[in-house]
PDB file of N, CA and C in Angstrom:
ATOM      1  N   MET A   1      94.617  72.394  58.743  1.00  0.00           N
ATOM      2  CA  MET A   1      95.060  71.131  58.211  1.00  0.00           C
ATOM      3  C   MET A   1      94.661  71.047  56.734  1.00  0.00           C
ATOM      4  N   ARG A   2      95.539  70.429  55.957  1.00  0.00           N
ATOM      5  CA  ARG A   2      95.264  70.274  54.531  1.00  0.00           C
ATOM      6  C   ARG A   2      94.967  68.811  54.226  1.00  0.00           C
ATOM      7  N   ALA A   3      94.187  68.621  53.154  1.00  0.00           N
ATOM      8  CA  ALA A   3      93.806  67.280  52.738  1.00  0.00           C
ATOM      9  C   ALA A   3      93.814  67.199  51.222  1.00  0.00           C
ATOM     10  N   ILE A   4      93.830  65.964  50.725  1.00  0.00           N
ATOM     11  CA  ILE A   4      93.778  65.697  49.296  1.00  0.00           C
ATOM     12  C   ILE A   4      92.445  65.025  48.999  1.00  0.00           C
ATOM     13  N   ILE A   5      91.728  65.562  48.017  1.00  0.00           N
ATOM     14  CA  ILE A   5      90.488  64.948  47.543  1.00  0.00           C
ATOM     15  C   ILE A   5      90.754  64.443  46.134  1.00  0.00           C
ATOM     16  N   THR A   6      90.466  63.159  45.895  1.00  0.00           N
ATOM     17  CA  THR A   6      90.603  62.601  44.555  1.00  0.00           C
ATOM     18  C   THR A   6      89.231  62.170  44.059  1.00  0.00           C
ATOM     19  N   VAL A   7      89.000  62.405  42.777  1.00  0.00           N
ATOM     20  CA  VAL A   7      87.732  62.045  42.152  1.00  0.00           C
ATOM     21  C   VAL A   7      88.047  61.330  40.841  1.00  0.00           C
ATOM     22  N   VAL A   8      87.471  60.145  40.656  1.00  0.00           N
ATOM     23  CA  VAL A   8      87.686  59.374  39.441  1.00  0.00           C
ATOM     24  C   VAL A   8      86.360  58.762  39.006  1.00  0.00           C
ATOM     25  N   GLY A   9      86.092  58.801  37.705  1.00  0.00           N
ATOM     26  CA  GLY A   9      84.880  58.166  37.180  1.00  0.00           C
ATOM     27  C   GLY A   9      84.649  58.547  35.740  1.00  0.00           C
ATOM     28  N   LYS A  10      83.630  57.959  35.146  1.00  0.00           N
ATOM     29  CA  LYS A  10      83.265  58.311  33.773  1.00  0.00           C
ATOM     30  C   LYS A  10      82.931  59.798  33.712  1.00  0.00           C
ATOM     31  N   ASP A  11      83.404  60.443  32.659  1.00  0.00           N
ATOM     32  CA  ASP A  11      83.164  61.878  32.523  1.00  0.00           C
ATOM     33  C   ASP A  11      81.673  62.166  32.397  1.00  0.00           C
ATOM     34  N   GLN A  12      81.234  63.215  33.073  1.00  0.00           N
ATOM     35  CA  GLN A  12      79.845  63.669  33.013  1.00  0.00           C
ATOM     36  C   GLN A  12      79.796  65.147  33.380  1.00  0.00           C
ATOM     37  N   VAL A  13      78.763  65.790  32.970  1.00  0.00           N
ATOM     38  CA  VAL A  13      78.601  67.219  33.216  1.00  0.00           C
ATOM     39  C   VAL A  13      78.445  67.492  34.710  1.00  0.00           C
ATOM     40  N   GLY A  14      79.155  68.511  35.215  1.00  0.00           N
ATOM     41  CA  GLY A  14      78.929  69.014  36.562  1.00  0.00           C
ATOM     42  C   GLY A  14      79.730  68.390  37.686  1.00  0.00           C
ATOM     43  N   ILE A  15      80.726  67.564  37.381  1.00  0.00           N
ATOM     44  CA  ILE A  15      81.478  66.919  38.456  1.00  0.00           C
ATOM     45  C   ILE A  15      82.189  67.959  39.315  1.00  0.00           C
ATOM     46  N   ILE A  16      82.933  68.851  38.692  1.00  0.00           N
ATOM     47  CA  ILE A  16      83.678  69.854  39.457  1.00  0.00           C
ATOM     48  C   ILE A  16      82.725  70.724  40.257  1.00  0.00           C
ATOM     49  N   ALA A  17      81.659  71.158  39.620  1.00  0.00           N
ATOM     50  CA  ALA A  17      80.685  72.022  40.300  1.00  0.00           C
ATOM     51  C   ALA A  17      80.065  71.334  41.512  1.00  0.00           C
ATOM     52  N   SER A  18      79.713  70.060  41.374  1.00  0.00           N
ATOM     53  CA  SER A  18      79.052  69.387  42.494  1.00  0.00           C
ATOM     54  C   SER A  18      80.016  69.145  43.656  1.00  0.00           C
ATOM     55  N   VAL A  19      81.241  68.721  43.363  1.00  0.00           N
ATOM     56  CA  VAL A  19      82.206  68.479  44.436  1.00  0.00           C
ATOM     57  C   VAL A  19      82.554  69.798  45.129  1.00  0.00           C
ATOM     58  N   CYS A  20      82.837  70.831  44.349  1.00  0.00           N
ATOM     59  CA  CYS A  20      83.171  72.136  44.941  1.00  0.00           C
ATOM     60  C   CYS A  20      81.998  72.698  45.733  1.00  0.00           C
ATOM     61  N   GLY A  21      80.783  72.496  45.254  1.00  0.00           N
ATOM     62  CA  GLY A  21      79.608  72.955  45.977  1.00  0.00           C
ATOM     63  C   GLY A  21      79.462  72.264  47.330  1.00  0.00           C
ATOM     64  N   GLU A  22      79.679  70.952  47.331  1.00  0.00           N
ATOM     65  CA  GLU A  22      79.567  70.203  48.589  1.00  0.00           C
ATOM     66  C   GLU A  22      80.602  70.635  49.609  1.00  0.00           C
ATOM     67  N   ILE A  23      81.847  70.797  49.176  1.00  0.00           N
ATOM     68  CA  ILE A  23      82.872  71.153  50.155  1.00  0.00           C
ATOM     69  C   ILE A  23      82.735  72.608  50.597  1.00  0.00           C
ATOM     70  N   SER A  24      82.277  73.491  49.705  1.00  0.00           N
ATOM     71  CA  SER A  24      82.119  74.887  50.115  1.00  0.00           C
ATOM     72  C   SER A  24      81.011  75.030  51.159  1.00  0.00           C
ATOM     73  N   GLN A  25      79.985  74.199  51.086  1.00  0.00           N
ATOM     74  CA  GLN A  25      78.915  74.224  52.092  1.00  0.00           C
ATOM     75  C   GLN A  25      79.438  73.840  53.466  1.00  0.00           C
ATOM     76  N   ARG A  26      80.574  73.164  53.503  1.00  0.00           N
ATOM     77  CA  ARG A  26      81.161  72.719  54.769  1.00  0.00           C
ATOM     78  C   ARG A  26      82.388  73.549  55.148  1.00  0.00           C
ATOM     79  N   ASN A  27      82.539  74.687  54.459  1.00  0.00           N
ATOM     80  CA  ASN A  27      83.609  75.653  54.734  1.00  0.00           C
ATOM     81  C   ASN A  27      85.008  75.086  54.472  1.00  0.00           C
ATOM     82  N   VAL A  28      85.121  74.248  53.449  1.00  0.00           N
ATOM     83  CA  VAL A  28      86.401  73.701  53.016  1.00  0.00           C
ATOM     84  C   VAL A  28      86.871  74.537  51.833  1.00  0.00           C
ATOM     85  N   ASN A  29      88.112  75.007  51.895  1.00  0.00           N
ATOM     86  CA  ASN A  29      88.650  75.899  50.873  1.00  0.00           C
ATOM     87  C   ASN A  29      89.560  75.140  49.903  1.00  0.00           C
ATOM     88  N   VAL A  30      89.367  75.342  48.602  1.00  0.00           N
ATOM     89  CA  VAL A  30      90.211  74.733  47.575  1.00  0.00           C
ATOM     90  C   VAL A  30      91.484  75.565  47.449  1.00  0.00           C
ATOM     91  N   LEU A  31      92.635  74.928  47.640  1.00  0.00           N
ATOM     92  CA  LEU A  31      93.929  75.600  47.519  1.00  0.00           C
ATOM     93  C   LEU A  31      94.542  75.384  46.140  1.00  0.00           C
ATOM     94  N   ASP A  32      94.336  74.202  45.575  1.00  0.00           N
ATOM     95  CA  ASP A  32      94.870  73.881  44.248  1.00  0.00           C
ATOM     96  C   ASP A  32      94.009  72.769  43.669  1.00  0.00           C
ATOM     97  N   ILE A  33      93.913  72.751  42.350  1.00  0.00           N
ATOM     98  CA  ILE A  33      93.076  71.751  41.695  1.00  0.00           C
ATOM     99  C   ILE A  33      93.692  71.395  40.356  1.00  0.00           C
ATOM    100  N   SER A  34      93.644  70.113  40.032  1.00  0.00           N
ATOM    101  CA  SER A  34      94.112  69.628  38.742  1.00  0.00           C
ATOM    102  C   SER A  34      93.114  68.595  38.261  1.00  0.00           C
ATOM    103  N   GLN A  35      92.702  68.712  37.021  1.00  0.00           N
ATOM    104  CA  GLN A  35      91.760  67.743  36.486  1.00  0.00           C
ATOM    105  C   GLN A  35      92.067  67.488  35.021  1.00  0.00           C
ATOM    106  N   THR A  36      91.712  66.284  34.593  1.00  0.00           N
ATOM    107  CA  THR A  36      91.894  65.921  33.195  1.00  0.00           C
ATOM    108  C   THR A  36      90.912  64.822  32.846  1.00  0.00           C
ATOM    109  N   ILE A  37      90.778  64.576  31.570  1.00  0.00           N
ATOM    110  CA  ILE A  37      89.943  63.486  31.084  1.00  0.00           C
ATOM    111  C   ILE A  37      90.846  62.553  30.292  1.00  0.00           C
ATOM    112  N   LEU A  38      90.893  61.297  30.710  1.00  0.00           N
ATOM    113  CA  LEU A  38      91.725  60.284  30.061  1.00  0.00           C
ATOM    114  C   LEU A  38      90.821  59.225  29.449  1.00  0.00           C
ATOM    115  N   GLN A  39      90.718  59.227  28.133  1.00  0.00           N
ATOM    116  CA  GLN A  39      89.907  58.251  27.407  1.00  0.00           C
ATOM    117  C   GLN A  39      88.514  58.090  28.006  1.00  0.00           C
ATOM    118  N   GLY A  40      87.872  59.223  28.257  1.00  0.00           N
ATOM    119  CA  GLY A  40      86.505  59.213  28.768  1.00  0.00           C
ATOM    120  C   GLY A  40      86.380  59.129  30.278  1.00  0.00           C
ATOM    121  N   TYR A  41      87.497  59.010  30.982  1.00  0.00           N
ATOM    122  CA  TYR A  41      87.466  58.969  32.444  1.00  0.00           C
ATOM    123  C   TYR A  41      87.941  60.301  33.005  1.00  0.00           C
ATOM    124  N   PHE A  42      87.129  60.861  33.883  1.00  0.00           N
ATOM    125  CA  PHE A  42      87.441  62.108  34.556  1.00  0.00           C
ATOM    126  C   PHE A  42      88.320  61.805  35.763  1.00  0.00           C
ATOM    127  N   THR A  43      89.393  62.557  35.927  1.00  0.00           N
ATOM    128  CA  THR A  43      90.240  62.427  37.112  1.00  0.00           C
ATOM    129  C   THR A  43      90.521  63.820  37.658  1.00  0.00           C
ATOM    130  N   MET A  44      90.414  63.971  38.965  1.00  0.00           N
ATOM    131  CA  MET A  44      90.664  65.265  39.589  1.00  0.00           C
ATOM    132  C   MET A  44      91.367  65.045  40.915  1.00  0.00           C
ATOM    133  N   VAL A  45      92.331  65.909  41.192  1.00  0.00           N
ATOM    134  CA  VAL A  45      93.018  65.929  42.480  1.00  0.00           C
ATOM    135  C   VAL A  45      92.920  67.356  43.012  1.00  0.00           C
ATOM    136  N   MET A  46      92.466  67.491  44.241  1.00  0.00           N
ATOM    137  CA  MET A  46      92.325  68.801  44.863  1.00  0.00           C
ATOM    138  C   MET A  46      93.117  68.831  46.166  1.00  0.00           C
ATOM    139  N   LEU A  47      93.831  69.913  46.382  1.00  0.00           N
ATOM    140  CA  LEU A  47      94.448  70.188  47.673  1.00  0.00           C
ATOM    141  C   LEU A  47      93.523  71.180  48.365  1.00  0.00           C
ATOM    142  N   VAL A  48      93.050  70.826  49.548  1.00  0.00           N
ATOM    143  CA  VAL A  48      92.066  71.665  50.236  1.00  0.00           C
ATOM    144  C   VAL A  48      92.510  71.951  51.670  1.00  0.00           C
ATOM    145  N   ASP A  49      91.981  73.037  52.209  1.00  0.00           N
ATOM    146  CA  ASP A  49      92.199  73.406  53.608  1.00  0.00           C
ATOM    147  C   ASP A  49      90.934  73.032  54.375  1.00  0.00           C
ATOM    148  N   VAL A  50      91.055  72.097  55.300  1.00  0.00           N
ATOM    149  CA  VAL A  50      89.900  71.640  56.081  1.00  0.00           C
ATOM    150  C   VAL A  50      89.919  72.165  57.515  1.00  0.00           C
ATOM    151  N   SER A  51      90.799  73.115  57.784  1.00  0.00           N
ATOM    152  CA  SER A  51      90.940  73.601  59.163  1.00  0.00           C
ATOM    153  C   SER A  51      89.680  74.289  59.692  1.00  0.00           C
ATOM    154  N   LYS A  52      88.836  74.803  58.798  1.00  0.00           N
ATOM    155  CA  LYS A  52      87.610  75.472  59.235  1.00  0.00           C
ATOM    156  C   LYS A  52      86.362  74.680  58.857  1.00  0.00           C
ATOM    157  N   CYS A  53      86.543  73.417  58.537  1.00  0.00           N
ATOM    158  CA  CYS A  53      85.419  72.559  58.150  1.00  0.00           C
ATOM    159  C   CYS A  53      84.405  72.492  59.287  1.00  0.00           C
ATOM    160  N   THR A  54      83.129  72.529  58.927  1.00  0.00           N
ATOM    161  CA  THR A  54      82.058  72.589  59.918  1.00  0.00           C
ATOM    162  C   THR A  54      81.628  71.215  60.433  1.00  0.00           C
ATOM    163  N   ILE A  55      82.212  70.144  59.877  1.00  0.00           N
ATOM    164  CA  ILE A  55      81.896  68.794  60.344  1.00  0.00           C
ATOM    165  C   ILE A  55      83.208  68.042  60.589  1.00  0.00           C
ATOM    166  N   PRO A  56      83.186  66.960  61.355  1.00  0.00           N
ATOM    167  CA  PRO A  56      84.405  66.185  61.576  1.00  0.00           C
ATOM    168  C   PRO A  56      84.966  65.628  60.256  1.00  0.00           C
ATOM    169  N   PHE A  57      86.290  65.450  60.215  1.00  0.00           N
ATOM    170  CA  PHE A  57      86.964  64.996  58.999  1.00  0.00           C
ATOM    171  C   PHE A  57      86.399  63.666  58.498  1.00  0.00           C
ATOM    172  N   ALA A  58      86.193  62.714  59.391  1.00  0.00           N
ATOM    173  CA  ALA A  58      85.669  61.406  58.993  1.00  0.00           C
ATOM    174  C   ALA A  58      84.283  61.517  58.366  1.00  0.00           C
ATOM    175  N   GLN A  59      83.475  62.416  58.885  1.00  0.00           N
ATOM    176  CA  GLN A  59      82.137  62.627  58.332  1.00  0.00           C
ATOM    177  C   GLN A  59      82.224  63.250  56.948  1.00  0.00           C
ATOM    178  N   LEU A  60      83.138  64.199  56.767  1.00  0.00           N
ATOM    179  CA  LEU A  60      83.343  64.806  55.448  1.00  0.00           C
ATOM    180  C   LEU A  60      83.720  63.737  54.428  1.00  0.00           C
ATOM    181  N   ALA A  61      84.674  62.892  54.797  1.00  0.00           N
ATOM    182  CA  ALA A  61      85.122  61.831  53.895  1.00  0.00           C
ATOM    183  C   ALA A  61      83.967  60.895  53.537  1.00  0.00           C
ATOM    184  N   GLN A  62      83.167  60.527  54.515  1.00  0.00           N
ATOM    185  CA  GLN A  62      82.043  59.617  54.262  1.00  0.00           C
ATOM    186  C   GLN A  62      80.977  60.256  53.384  1.00  0.00           C
ATOM    187  N   GLU A  63      80.647  61.517  53.662  1.00  0.00           N
ATOM    188  CA  GLU A  63      79.618  62.203  52.876  1.00  0.00           C
ATOM    189  C   GLU A  63      80.050  62.371  51.419  1.00  0.00           C
ATOM    190  N   LEU A  64      81.321  62.713  51.199  1.00  0.00           N
ATOM    191  CA  LEU A  64      81.802  62.854  49.822  1.00  0.00           C
ATOM    192  C   LEU A  64      81.819  61.501  49.113  1.00  0.00           C
ATOM    193  N   SER A  65      82.223  60.460  49.823  1.00  0.00           N
ATOM    194  CA  SER A  65      82.213  59.115  49.247  1.00  0.00           C
ATOM    195  C   SER A  65      80.793  58.705  48.862  1.00  0.00           C
ATOM    196  N   ASP A  66      79.848  58.941  49.748  1.00  0.00           N
ATOM    197  CA  ASP A  66      78.450  58.585  49.492  1.00  0.00           C
ATOM    198  C   ASP A  66      77.884  59.357  48.303  1.00  0.00           C
ATOM    199  N   SER A  67      78.162  60.652  48.237  1.00  0.00           N
ATOM    200  CA  SER A  67      77.634  61.437  47.122  1.00  0.00           C
ATOM    201  C   SER A  67      78.296  61.026  45.809  1.00  0.00           C
ATOM    202  N   GLY A  68      79.560  60.609  45.882  1.00  0.00           N
ATOM    203  CA  GLY A  68      80.223  60.115  44.683  1.00  0.00           C
ATOM    204  C   GLY A  68      79.576  58.845  44.170  1.00  0.00           C
ATOM    205  N   LYS A  69      79.250  57.943  45.077  1.00  0.00           N
ATOM    206  CA  LYS A  69      78.607  56.689  44.673  1.00  0.00           C
ATOM    207  C   LYS A  69      77.281  56.946  43.959  1.00  0.00           C
ATOM    208  N   GLU A  70      76.560  57.971  44.390  1.00  0.00           N
ATOM    209  CA  GLU A  70      75.291  58.322  43.747  1.00  0.00           C
ATOM    210  C   GLU A  70      75.494  58.731  42.295  1.00  0.00           C
ATOM    211  N   ARG A  71      76.692  59.222  41.965  1.00  0.00           N
ATOM    212  CA  ARG A  71      77.001  59.666  40.597  1.00  0.00           C
ATOM    213  C   ARG A  71      77.980  58.717  39.902  1.00  0.00           C
ATOM    214  N   SER A  72      78.184  57.540  40.466  1.00  0.00           N
ATOM    215  CA  SER A  72      79.123  56.541  39.927  1.00  0.00           C
ATOM    216  C   SER A  72      80.550  57.080  39.869  1.00  0.00           C
ATOM    217  N   LEU A  73      80.939  57.812  40.913  1.00  0.00           N
ATOM    218  CA  LEU A  73      82.287  58.361  41.034  1.00  0.00           C
ATOM    219  C   LEU A  73      82.946  57.804  42.288  1.00  0.00           C
ATOM    220  N   ASP A  74      84.253  57.685  42.242  1.00  0.00           N
ATOM    221  CA  ASP A  74      85.019  57.308  43.426  1.00  0.00           C
ATOM    222  C   ASP A  74      85.637  58.584  43.983  1.00  0.00           C
ATOM    223  N   ILE A  75      85.143  59.048  45.130  1.00  0.00           N
ATOM    224  CA  ILE A  75      85.663  60.255  45.766  1.00  0.00           C
ATOM    225  C   ILE A  75      86.297  59.844  47.086  1.00  0.00           C
ATOM    226  N   ARG A  76      87.575  60.193  47.231  1.00  0.00           N
ATOM    227  CA  ARG A  76      88.308  59.859  48.452  1.00  0.00           C
ATOM    228  C   ARG A  76      88.935  61.114  49.042  1.00  0.00           C
ATOM    229  N   VAL A  77      88.998  61.151  50.352  1.00  0.00           N
ATOM    230  CA  VAL A  77      89.612  62.270  51.064  1.00  0.00           C
ATOM    231  C   VAL A  77      90.649  61.703  52.022  1.00  0.00           C
ATOM    232  N   GLN A  78      91.868  62.252  51.951  1.00  0.00           N
ATOM    233  CA  GLN A  78      92.934  61.827  52.855  1.00  0.00           C
ATOM    234  C   GLN A  78      93.643  63.052  53.401  1.00  0.00           C
ATOM    235  N   ARG A  79      94.072  62.953  54.632  1.00  0.00           N
ATOM    236  CA  ARG A  79      94.905  64.018  55.191  1.00  0.00           C
ATOM    237  C   ARG A  79      96.179  64.096  54.363  1.00  0.00           C
ATOM    238  N   GLU A  80      96.674  65.297  54.161  1.00  0.00           N
ATOM    239  CA  GLU A  80      97.843  65.502  53.301  1.00  0.00           C
ATOM    240  C   GLU A  80      99.045  64.687  53.759  1.00  0.00           C
ATOM    241  N   ASP A  81      99.306  64.622  55.054  1.00  0.00           N
ATOM    242  CA  ASP A  81     100.476  63.888  55.530  1.00  0.00           C
ATOM    243  C   ASP A  81     100.364  62.391  55.257  1.00  0.00           C
ATOM    244  N   ILE A  82      99.171  61.845  55.379  1.00  0.00           N
ATOM    245  CA  ILE A  82      98.977  60.425  55.086  1.00  0.00           C
ATOM    246  C   ILE A  82      99.100  60.172  53.581  1.00  0.00           C
ATOM    247  N   PHE A  83      98.515  61.051  52.782  1.00  0.00           N
ATOM    248  CA  PHE A  83      98.619  60.925  51.326  1.00  0.00           C
ATOM    249  C   PHE A  83     100.088  60.935  50.903  1.00  0.00           C
ATOM    250  N   ASN A  84     100.847  61.889  51.432  1.00  0.00           N
ATOM    251  CA  ASN A  84     102.273  61.979  51.084  1.00  0.00           C
ATOM    252  C   ASN A  84     103.043  60.733  51.515  1.00  0.00           C
ATOM    253  N   ALA A  85     102.757  60.220  52.699  1.00  0.00           N
ATOM    254  CA  ALA A  85     103.454  59.027  53.178  1.00  0.00           C
ATOM    255  C   ALA A  85     103.145  57.815  52.312  1.00  0.00           C
ATOM    256  N   MET A  86     101.926  57.715  51.837  1.00  0.00           N
ATOM    257  CA  MET A  86     101.527  56.574  51.005  1.00  0.00           C
ATOM    258  C   MET A  86     102.133  56.635  49.609  1.00  0.00           C
ATOM    259  N   HIS A  87     102.440  57.830  49.134  1.00  0.00           N
ATOM    260  CA  HIS A  87     102.921  57.990  47.764  1.00  0.00           C
ATOM    261  C   HIS A  87     104.406  58.356  47.690  1.00  0.00           C
ATOM    262  N   ARG A  88     105.116  58.152  48.771  1.00  0.00           N
ATOM    263  CA  ARG A  88     106.544  58.408  48.799  1.00  0.00           C
ATOM    264  C   ARG A  88     107.277  57.162  48.341  1.00  0.00           C
ATOM    265  N   ILE A  89     108.262  57.362  47.492  1.00  0.00           N
ATOM    266  CA  ILE A  89     109.039  56.231  46.969  1.00  0.00           C
ATOM    267  C   ILE A  89     110.208  55.945  47.881  1.00  0.00           C
TER     268      ILE A  89
END
């Protein structure tokens, strides 16, 4: 199963490294990644494969959200099909 991870917040050193480190510890594979900085705000969208994740999907989403809050970042995880349905015109 694939999922979308979004990260938004004030730019700071190590955002990509910390998010990638957390998901790799849970056996989540990055398939594609896009990131940019818009007027001092960091934004990143990742397409990931969670089929071999070592924890339940809901727990992954909660842990990433919690770790984001510790760094003043908004980190969200959605299943790819739900993300696509929400963003379809």
